[in-house]
Protein backbone atom coordinates (compact mmCIF):
# COMPACT_ATOMS: atom_id res chain seq x y z
CA MET A 1 0.05 0.14 0.00
CA SER A 2 1.71 2.99 -1.14
CA ASP A 3 0.61 5.63 1.67
CA CYS A 4 1.57 2.99 4.44
CA ILE A 5 4.54 3.73 6.53
CA PHE A 6 5.04 0.31 7.43
CA CYS A 7 5.37 -0.67 3.65
CA LYS A 8 7.63 2.06 3.01
CA LEU A 9 9.98 0.99 6.00
CA ALA A 10 9.88 -2.58 4.57
CA SER A 11 10.54 -1.66 0.74
CA HIS A 12 13.35 1.02 2.07
CA GLU A 13 11.93 4.04 0.84
CA ILE A 14 12.44 5.49 4.07
CA PRO A 15 15.43 4.35 6.40
CA THR A 16 15.30 2.43 9.76
CA ASP A 17 17.14 0.62 11.92
CA VAL A 18 16.48 -3.01 10.33
CA VAL A 19 17.33 -6.05 12.81
CA TYR A 20 16.42 -8.69 10.15
CA GLU A 21 14.59 -9.26 6.78
CA ASP A 22 13.91 -11.78 4.43
CA ASP A 23 11.30 -12.55 1.51
CA ARG A 24 8.47 -12.54 3.93
CA ILE A 25 8.94 -10.47 6.96
CA PHE A 26 10.86 -6.96 8.13
CA VAL A 27 12.08 -6.39 11.72
CA PHE A 28 13.19 -2.93 12.73
CA ARG A 29 14.07 -1.31 16.08
CA ASP A 30 10.96 0.72 17.38
CA MET A 31 11.35 4.76 17.08
CA SER A 32 9.56 4.70 20.53
CA PRO A 33 11.24 1.81 22.58
CA GLN A 34 8.99 0.91 25.69
CA ALA A 35 11.89 -1.54 26.97
CA PRO A 36 15.79 -1.87 26.41
CA VAL A 37 15.13 -4.02 23.08
CA HIS A 38 11.65 -3.16 21.20
CA VAL A 39 11.48 -4.45 17.84
CA LEU A 40 8.66 -4.71 15.26
CA ILE A 41 7.82 -7.75 13.54
CA ILE A 42 5.79 -7.09 10.18
CA PRO A 43 4.58 -9.00 7.08
CA LYS A 44 6.08 -7.42 3.80
CA LYS A 45 2.64 -8.37 2.78
CA HIS A 46 -0.29 -5.29 3.74
CA ILE A 47 -2.31 -6.82 6.36
CA PRO A 48 -4.35 -3.60 7.96
CA SER A 49 -4.84 -5.68 11.19
CA LEU A 50 -5.36 -9.05 12.80
CA ASP A 51 -9.09 -8.52 12.05
CA GLU A 52 -8.16 -8.94 8.46
CA LEU A 53 -6.72 -12.35 8.35
CA THR A 54 -7.93 -14.49 5.88
CA GLU A 55 -7.16 -18.15 5.49
CA GLU A 56 -4.48 -17.58 3.36
CA ASP A 57 -2.62 -15.90 5.43
CA ALA A 58 -2.35 -18.39 8.14
CA GLY A 59 0.84 -19.84 6.69
CA LEU A 60 2.54 -16.21 6.85
CA MET A 61 1.18 -16.15 10.56
CA GLY A 62 2.91 -19.37 11.59
CA TYR A 63 6.16 -18.40 9.88
CA ILE A 64 6.26 -15.19 11.81
CA LEU A 65 5.55 -16.77 15.30
CA GLU A 66 8.11 -19.65 14.34
CA LYS A 67 10.79 -16.72 13.40
CA VAL A 68 10.38 -15.06 16.82
CA LYS A 69 12.99 -17.34 18.82
CA GLU A 70 15.48 -16.33 16.25
CA ILE A 71 14.86 -12.77 16.04
CA ALA A 72 14.75 -13.06 20.19
CA ALA A 73 18.21 -14.59 19.58
CA LEU A 74 19.49 -11.94 17.22
CA THR A 75 18.21 -9.26 19.67
CA GLY A 76 20.09 -10.65 23.07
CA LEU A 77 16.80 -11.44 24.59
CA ASP A 78 18.23 -14.63 26.56
CA ASN A 79 15.67 -14.51 29.61
CA GLY A 80 12.46 -14.03 28.09
CA TYR A 81 10.46 -11.29 26.36
CA ARG A 82 7.11 -10.15 25.67
CA LEU A 83 5.07 -10.53 22.00
CA VAL A 84 2.26 -8.08 21.63
CA VAL A 85 0.13 -7.23 18.60
CA ASN A 86 -2.49 -4.15 18.92
CA CYS A 87 -5.48 -4.41 17.35
CA GLY A 88 -7.93 -1.77 16.52
CA GLU A 89 -8.72 1.81 18.26
CA ASP A 90 -9.18 0.22 21.66
CA GLY A 91 -6.20 -2.02 21.32
CA MET A 92 -3.96 0.99 20.46
CA GLN A 93 -3.08 0.14 17.08
CA THR A 94 -1.78 3.14 15.69
CA VAL A 95 -0.05 2.04 12.46
CA LYS A 96 -2.72 0.11 10.28
CA HIS A 97 -0.37 -2.86 9.08
CA LEU A 98 -0.32 -5.83 11.44
CA HIS A 99 2.88 -6.02 13.37
CA PHE A 100 4.39 -7.35 16.48
CA HIS A 101 6.11 -6.00 19.24
CA LEU A 102 8.84 -7.80 20.74
CA LEU A 103 10.15 -6.55 23.77
CA GLY A 104 12.68 -7.70 26.12
CA LYS A 105 15.76 -6.74 28.54
CA ARG A 106 13.58 -5.92 31.38
CA MET A 107 11.00 -7.40 33.71
CA MET A 108 7.78 -6.87 32.44
CA LYS A 109 4.86 -6.01 34.38
CA TRP A 110 1.48 -7.38 34.40
CA PRO A 111 -1.74 -6.38 33.60
CA PRO A 112 -0.01 -4.25 31.17
CA GLY A 113 -1.97 -1.58 30.05
């Protein structure tokens, strides 16, 4: 999608601090980190939110979840981490491109938010 900031980041139209990239996903450091390690994992396919996933996206979602452990290792998250997906206005999704927040290197509080 031409006006999506995450699509522009993934296509390298806008520079960012890239952590990992392959043909299906793009991972970069969050510009407003909420933990010492805070990266965003996005599919390169533009999917606006969890609510807009289809059956054809199941393989991509499984792939992303499988890659989390590798990305956690790349970012030094050897003592645990939190994976978060915000969905919709009440869920505080601010960018309409599905993304996963991977946070760590500090004790996470519960309940969040």
